[in-house]
Amino acid sequence: MALFKSEIIKKIINGSETYVSDAIIVNNKNYTTNGESVVVVKDTELCEIFLDSKTTNHIVIKSLTNVLVKSDTPIDEEFNEVELTKGSCVEFRKIGDNWYILSSDGLKGS
């Protein structure tokens, strides 16, 4: 369940035109990205976010709780998952077959 979704915008992701919310606030225990540019996570003890490269190629995740980010392809060419602690913010970009962390503050790796 999303606590907030921004207005719907048109994006081109992996060569396909799609309509998505640009920003979203979630409090789910699990969430799969769907083309958003920004996801804020709060009000849950732990949230697992799956980076879906079919719908998303660039995203910033702001963690107001503990977040475990997973993907079906490596993150920074070596990690299966990345742990974000409360207050951290991480920018991910899908390039080729991998997700890359472009910037972060307070990142905790696993």
C-alpha atoms as a PDB file:
ATOM      1  CA  MET A   1       0.000   0.000   0.000  1.00  0.00           C
ATOM      2  CA  ALA A   2       1.393   3.378  -0.923  1.00  0.00           C
ATOM      3  CA  LEU A   3       0.903   6.239   1.503  1.00  0.00           C
ATOM      4  CA  PHE A   4       1.444   8.770  -1.269  1.00  0.00           C
ATOM      5  CA  LYS A   5       1.831   8.740  -5.051  1.00  0.00           C
ATOM      6  CA  SER A   6       2.706  11.771  -7.129  1.00  0.00           C
ATOM      7  CA  GLU A   7       0.905  12.675 -10.320  1.00  0.00           C
ATOM      8  CA  ILE A   8       1.284  10.227 -13.188  1.00  0.00           C
ATOM      9  CA  ILE A   9       3.967  11.136 -15.753  1.00  0.00           C
ATOM     10  CA  LYS A  10       5.084   9.647 -19.074  1.00  0.00           C
ATOM     11  CA  LYS A  11       8.526   7.991 -19.159  1.00  0.00           C
ATOM     12  CA  ILE A  12      10.520   5.975 -21.670  1.00  0.00           C
ATOM     13  CA  ILE A  13      12.036   2.956 -19.896  1.00  0.00           C
ATOM     14  CA  ASN A  14      14.003   0.352 -21.849  1.00  0.00           C
ATOM     15  CA  GLY A  15      12.612   1.790 -25.068  1.00  0.00           C
ATOM     16  CA  SER A  16       8.979   1.497 -23.998  1.00  0.00           C
ATOM     17  CA  GLU A  17       6.629   4.352 -23.202  1.00  0.00           C
ATOM     18  CA  THR A  18       4.998   3.983 -19.799  1.00  0.00           C
ATOM     19  CA  TYR A  19       2.984   6.064 -17.353  1.00  0.00           C
ATOM     20  CA  VAL A  20       4.103   6.003 -13.727  1.00  0.00           C
ATOM     21  CA  SER A  21       4.103   7.968 -10.493  1.00  0.00           C
ATOM     22  CA  ASP A  22       7.368   9.892 -10.311  1.00  0.00           C
ATOM     23  CA  ALA A  23       7.580   9.759  -6.497  1.00  0.00           C
ATOM     24  CA  ILE A  24       6.003   7.456  -3.945  1.00  0.00           C
ATOM     25  CA  ILE A  25       6.000   6.950  -0.179  1.00  0.00           C
ATOM     26  CA  VAL A  26       5.560   3.347   0.978  1.00  0.00           C
ATOM     27  CA  ASN A  27       5.236   1.530   4.288  1.00  0.00           C
ATOM     28  CA  ASN A  28       5.079  -2.023   2.915  1.00  0.00           C
ATOM     29  CA  LYS A  29       7.269  -4.895   4.086  1.00  0.00           C
ATOM     30  CA  ASN A  30       7.957  -5.611   0.382  1.00  0.00           C
ATOM     31  CA  TYR A  31       7.910  -3.302  -2.605  1.00  0.00           C
ATOM     32  CA  THR A  32       8.873  -3.726  -6.278  1.00  0.00           C
ATOM     33  CA  THR A  33       9.862  -0.610  -8.195  1.00  0.00           C
ATOM     34  CA  ASN A  34       7.609   0.473 -11.034  1.00  0.00           C
ATOM     35  CA  GLY A  35       9.381   3.315 -12.846  1.00  0.00           C
ATOM     36  CA  GLU A  36       9.443   5.822  -9.999  1.00  0.00           C
ATOM     37  CA  SER A  37      12.308   8.299  -9.712  1.00  0.00           C
ATOM     38  CA  VAL A  38      12.024   8.510  -5.922  1.00  0.00           C
ATOM     39  CA  VAL A  39      10.811   6.071  -3.270  1.00  0.00           C
ATOM     40  CA  VAL A  40      10.612   7.107   0.382  1.00  0.00           C
ATOM     41  CA  VAL A  41      10.203   4.254   2.867  1.00  0.00           C
ATOM     42  CA  LYS A  42       8.809   4.762   6.368  1.00  0.00           C
ATOM     43  CA  ASP A  43       6.548   3.388   9.105  1.00  0.00           C
ATOM     44  CA  THR A  44       7.656  -0.246   8.888  1.00  0.00           C
ATOM     45  CA  GLU A  45      10.403  -2.078  10.787  1.00  0.00           C
ATOM     46  CA  LEU A  46      12.028  -3.429   7.612  1.00  0.00           C
ATOM     47  CA  CYS A  47      11.186  -3.045   3.935  1.00  0.00           C
ATOM     48  CA  GLU A  48      12.616  -5.180   1.133  1.00  0.00           C
ATOM     49  CA  ILE A  49      12.716  -3.293  -2.167  1.00  0.00           C
ATOM     50  CA  PHE A  50      13.230  -5.167  -5.415  1.00  0.00           C
ATOM     51  CA  LEU A  51      14.776  -3.119  -8.235  1.00  0.00           C
ATOM     52  CA  ASP A  52      12.783  -4.186 -11.301  1.00  0.00           C
ATOM     53  CA  SER A  53      14.961  -3.429 -14.317  1.00  0.00           C
ATOM     54  CA  LYS A  54      12.026  -4.055 -16.673  1.00  0.00           C
ATOM     55  CA  THR A  55      10.165  -1.013 -15.300  1.00  0.00           C
ATOM     56  CA  THR A  56      12.911   1.069 -13.670  1.00  0.00           C
ATOM     57  CA  ASN A  57      16.336   2.267 -14.781  1.00  0.00           C
ATOM     58  CA  HIS A  58      17.108   5.128 -12.358  1.00  0.00           C
ATOM     59  CA  ILE A  59      15.854   5.573  -8.805  1.00  0.00           C
ATOM     60  CA  VAL A  60      16.641   7.302  -5.526  1.00  0.00           C
ATOM     61  CA  ILE A  61      15.612   5.509  -2.332  1.00  0.00           C
ATOM     62  CA  LYS A  62      15.274   7.527   0.874  1.00  0.00           C
ATOM     63  CA  SER A  63      15.125   5.325   3.941  1.00  0.00           C
ATOM     64  CA  LEU A  64      13.358   6.508   7.090  1.00  0.00           C
ATOM     65  CA  THR A  65      13.589   2.929   8.380  1.00  0.00           C
ATOM     66  CA  ASN A  66      15.729  -0.125   7.609  1.00  0.00           C
ATOM     67  CA  VAL A  67      15.603  -1.107   3.941  1.00  0.00           C
ATOM     68  CA  LEU A  68      17.071  -4.090   2.108  1.00  0.00           C
ATOM     69  CA  VAL A  69      17.484  -3.408  -1.631  1.00  0.00           C
ATOM     70  CA  LYS A  70      17.619  -6.488  -3.871  1.00  0.00           C
ATOM     71  CA  SER A  71      17.895  -7.080  -7.599  1.00  0.00           C
ATOM     72  CA  ASP A  72      18.010  -9.949 -10.069  1.00  0.00           C
ATOM     73  CA  THR A  73      21.312  -8.541 -11.378  1.00  0.00           C
ATOM     74  CA  PRO A  74      24.407  -7.515  -9.373  1.00  0.00           C
ATOM     75  CA  ILE A  75      24.608  -4.151  -7.636  1.00  0.00           C
ATOM     76  CA  ASP A  76      28.017  -2.510  -8.226  1.00  0.00           C
ATOM     77  CA  GLU A  77      29.008  -5.736 -10.030  1.00  0.00           C
ATOM     78  CA  GLU A  78      29.334  -7.738  -6.802  1.00  0.00           C
ATOM     79  CA  PHE A  79      26.452  -7.377  -4.330  1.00  0.00           C
ATOM     80  CA  ASN A  80      23.169  -9.311  -4.355  1.00  0.00           C
ATOM     81  CA  GLU A  81      21.655  -6.875  -1.892  1.00  0.00           C
ATOM     82  CA  VAL A  82      22.389  -3.583  -0.170  1.00  0.00           C
ATOM     83  CA  GLU A  83      21.241  -2.611   3.323  1.00  0.00           C
ATOM     84  CA  LEU A  84      20.159   0.951   4.007  1.00  0.00           C
ATOM     85  CA  THR A  85      19.777   2.122   7.587  1.00  0.00           C
ATOM     86  CA  LYS A  86      17.380   4.749   8.859  1.00  0.00           C
ATOM     87  CA  GLY A  87      18.107   8.176   7.394  1.00  0.00           C
ATOM     88  CA  SER A  88      20.183   7.034   4.425  1.00  0.00           C
ATOM     89  CA  CYS A  89      19.584   7.963   0.790  1.00  0.00           C
ATOM     90  CA  VAL A  90      20.962   6.041  -2.200  1.00  0.00           C
ATOM     91  CA  GLU A  91      20.762   6.664  -5.949  1.00  0.00           C
ATOM     92  CA  PHE A  92      20.770   3.588  -8.221  1.00  0.00           C
ATOM     93  CA  ARG A  93      21.182   3.484 -12.022  1.00  0.00           C
ATOM     94  CA  LYS A  94      20.788   0.445 -14.295  1.00  0.00           C
ATOM     95  CA  ILE A  95      23.603   0.402 -16.855  1.00  0.00           C
ATOM     96  CA  GLY A  96      24.070  -2.662 -19.030  1.00  0.00           C
ATOM     97  CA  ASP A  97      23.538  -5.788 -16.940  1.00  0.00           C
ATOM     98  CA  ASN A  98      24.192  -4.178 -13.559  1.00  0.00           C
ATOM     99  CA  TRP A  99      22.764  -1.698 -11.116  1.00  0.00           C
ATOM    100  CA  TYR A 100      25.274   0.914  -9.951  1.00  0.00           C
ATOM    101  CA  ILE A 101      25.237   3.103  -6.878  1.00  0.00           C
ATOM    102  CA  LEU A 102      25.852   6.624  -8.185  1.00  0.00           C
ATOM    103  CA  SER A 103      25.631   8.415  -4.868  1.00  0.00           C
ATOM    104  CA  SER A 104      24.797   7.657  -1.282  1.00  0.00           C
ATOM    105  CA  ASP A 105      24.882   8.985   2.224  1.00  0.00           C
ATOM    106  CA  GLY A 106      24.888   6.602   5.134  1.00  0.00           C
ATOM    107  CA  LEU A 107      25.075   3.479   2.940  1.00  0.00           C
ATOM    108  CA  LYS A 108      25.606   0.180   4.727  1.00  0.00           C
ATOM    109  CA  GLY A 109      26.709  -2.667   2.448  1.00  0.00           C
ATOM    110  CA  SER A 110      26.088  -6.375   2.805  1.00  0.00           C
END
